[in-house]
Protein backbone atom coordinates (compact mmCIF):
# COMPACT_ATOMS: atom_id res chain seq x y z
CA MET A 1 -15.59 -11.74 -24.73
CA GLY A 2 -13.02 -13.52 -24.82
CA TRP A 3 -9.68 -11.51 -23.24
CA ARG A 4 -8.58 -10.56 -27.01
CA GLU A 5 -11.65 -8.67 -27.86
CA GLY A 6 -11.41 -7.13 -24.17
CA ALA A 7 -8.12 -6.36 -24.82
CA GLY A 8 -8.92 -4.77 -28.00
CA GLU A 9 -11.88 -2.47 -26.72
CA LEU A 10 -9.68 -1.41 -23.99
CA ASP A 11 -6.74 -0.25 -26.62
CA ALA A 12 -9.33 1.58 -28.52
CA ARG A 13 -10.71 3.45 -25.47
CA MET A 14 -6.87 4.22 -24.16
CA LEU A 15 -6.47 5.19 -27.54
CA GLU A 16 -9.22 7.71 -27.52
CA ARG A 17 -7.66 9.20 -24.41
CA PRO A 18 -4.05 9.50 -24.84
CA LEU A 19 -1.99 11.01 -21.70
CA PRO A 20 -2.06 14.34 -21.40
CA SER A 21 1.44 16.14 -22.10
CA ASP A 22 1.71 17.41 -18.70
CA ALA A 23 1.62 13.45 -17.81
CA VAL A 24 3.99 12.92 -20.03
CA GLY A 25 6.40 15.45 -18.69
CA GLN A 26 5.72 14.42 -15.18
CA LEU A 27 6.91 10.84 -16.11
CA GLY A 28 10.19 12.60 -17.85
CA ALA A 29 10.89 14.52 -14.56
CA TRP A 30 10.16 11.42 -12.41
CA LEU A 31 12.75 9.48 -14.52
CA ALA A 32 15.42 12.64 -13.83
CA GLY A 33 14.88 12.77 -10.42
CA GLY A 34 13.37 10.07 -7.72
CA GLY A 35 12.68 7.65 -10.57
CA ALA A 36 16.64 7.79 -11.65
CA PRO A 37 17.35 4.33 -10.72
CA TYR A 38 15.18 3.19 -13.11
CA ALA A 39 15.96 5.20 -16.16
CA ASP A 40 18.65 2.83 -17.39
CA GLY A 41 16.54 -0.08 -16.70
CA THR A 42 15.36 -2.41 -14.55
CA GLY A 43 17.00 -5.23 -14.14
CA GLU A 44 17.66 -8.24 -16.22
CA HIS A 45 14.12 -10.06 -15.52
CA ALA A 46 12.69 -11.16 -18.82
CA VAL A 47 9.35 -13.05 -19.49
CA ARG A 48 8.91 -16.21 -22.30
CA TYR A 49 6.57 -15.51 -25.07
CA ILE A 50 5.34 -16.89 -28.21
CA PRO A 51 5.82 -14.46 -30.86
CA GLY A 52 3.46 -16.45 -33.53
CA SER A 53 0.72 -16.14 -30.72
CA TRP A 54 0.70 -11.62 -31.36
CA ALA A 55 0.38 -12.21 -34.93
CA GLY A 56 -2.10 -9.50 -36.07
CA ILE A 57 -1.24 -7.16 -33.55
CA ARG A 58 -0.25 -3.80 -35.18
CA PRO A 59 2.10 -1.83 -35.02
CA TRP A 60 4.23 -4.48 -33.50
CA PRO A 61 7.61 -2.86 -31.70
CA SER A 62 10.58 -3.29 -34.03
CA GLY A 63 12.98 -4.30 -31.37
CA LEU A 64 10.99 -7.48 -30.47
CA ALA A 65 11.23 -10.66 -32.43
CA GLU A 66 9.22 -11.29 -35.47
CA GLN A 67 5.69 -12.45 -35.13
CA VAL A 68 5.80 -16.23 -36.50
CA GLY A 69 6.99 -19.22 -34.88
CA ARG A 70 5.64 -21.18 -32.16
CA LYS A 71 9.13 -21.37 -30.46
CA PRO A 72 9.21 -19.57 -27.34
CA THR A 73 11.12 -16.49 -26.83
CA SER A 74 12.11 -13.74 -24.00
CA LEU A 75 11.25 -10.10 -23.37
CA SER A 76 13.14 -8.32 -21.37
CA ARG A 77 12.73 -5.25 -19.10
CA ALA A 78 15.20 -3.43 -21.26
CA GLN A 79 13.57 -4.53 -24.27
CA VAL A 80 10.34 -2.86 -23.02
CA LEU A 81 12.48 0.24 -21.92
CA ALA A 82 14.13 0.85 -24.99
CA VAL A 83 10.14 0.55 -26.88
CA ALA A 84 9.37 3.18 -24.33
CA ARG A 85 12.80 5.57 -25.10
CA THR A 86 11.45 5.44 -28.89
CA GLY A 87 7.96 6.15 -27.81
CA VAL A 88 9.22 9.26 -25.84
CA ALA A 89 11.47 10.29 -28.63
CA THR A 90 8.44 9.86 -31.46
CA ALA A 91 5.25 10.46 -29.27
CA SER A 92 4.19 7.26 -30.55
CA TRP A 93 3.02 4.86 -27.60
CA THR A 94 1.49 2.28 -29.02
CA GLU A 95 4.33 0.30 -29.79
CA THR A 96 4.94 1.02 -26.14
CA LEU A 97 1.75 -0.38 -24.84
CA VAL A 98 1.91 -3.34 -27.09
CA ALA A 99 5.33 -4.15 -25.38
CA SER A 100 4.22 -4.06 -22.09
CA TYR A 101 1.36 -6.30 -22.81
CA VAL A 102 3.55 -8.84 -24.52
CA TRP A 103 6.44 -8.34 -20.94
């Protein structure tokens, strides 16, 4: 089994067990308290990735580059945080998971 198949299996298992609502609430409370320094981002750090290598992954976060081409691009912590904020607002965590995998 390659890493892609293993990642797919992990994704499927994680989707079967979503975070409990109290855990989501605790995360929000942490960001409002001791985690406040991270609520507005975690710095300028970015990683390089090739968007075309992620073709076929759905749903793809709209804040990331289109999944075409072989030209490397970067993904910052701030972009991942923006995807996560959308996940909080919409209670949709799949795109957050995808963005964190890419990062």
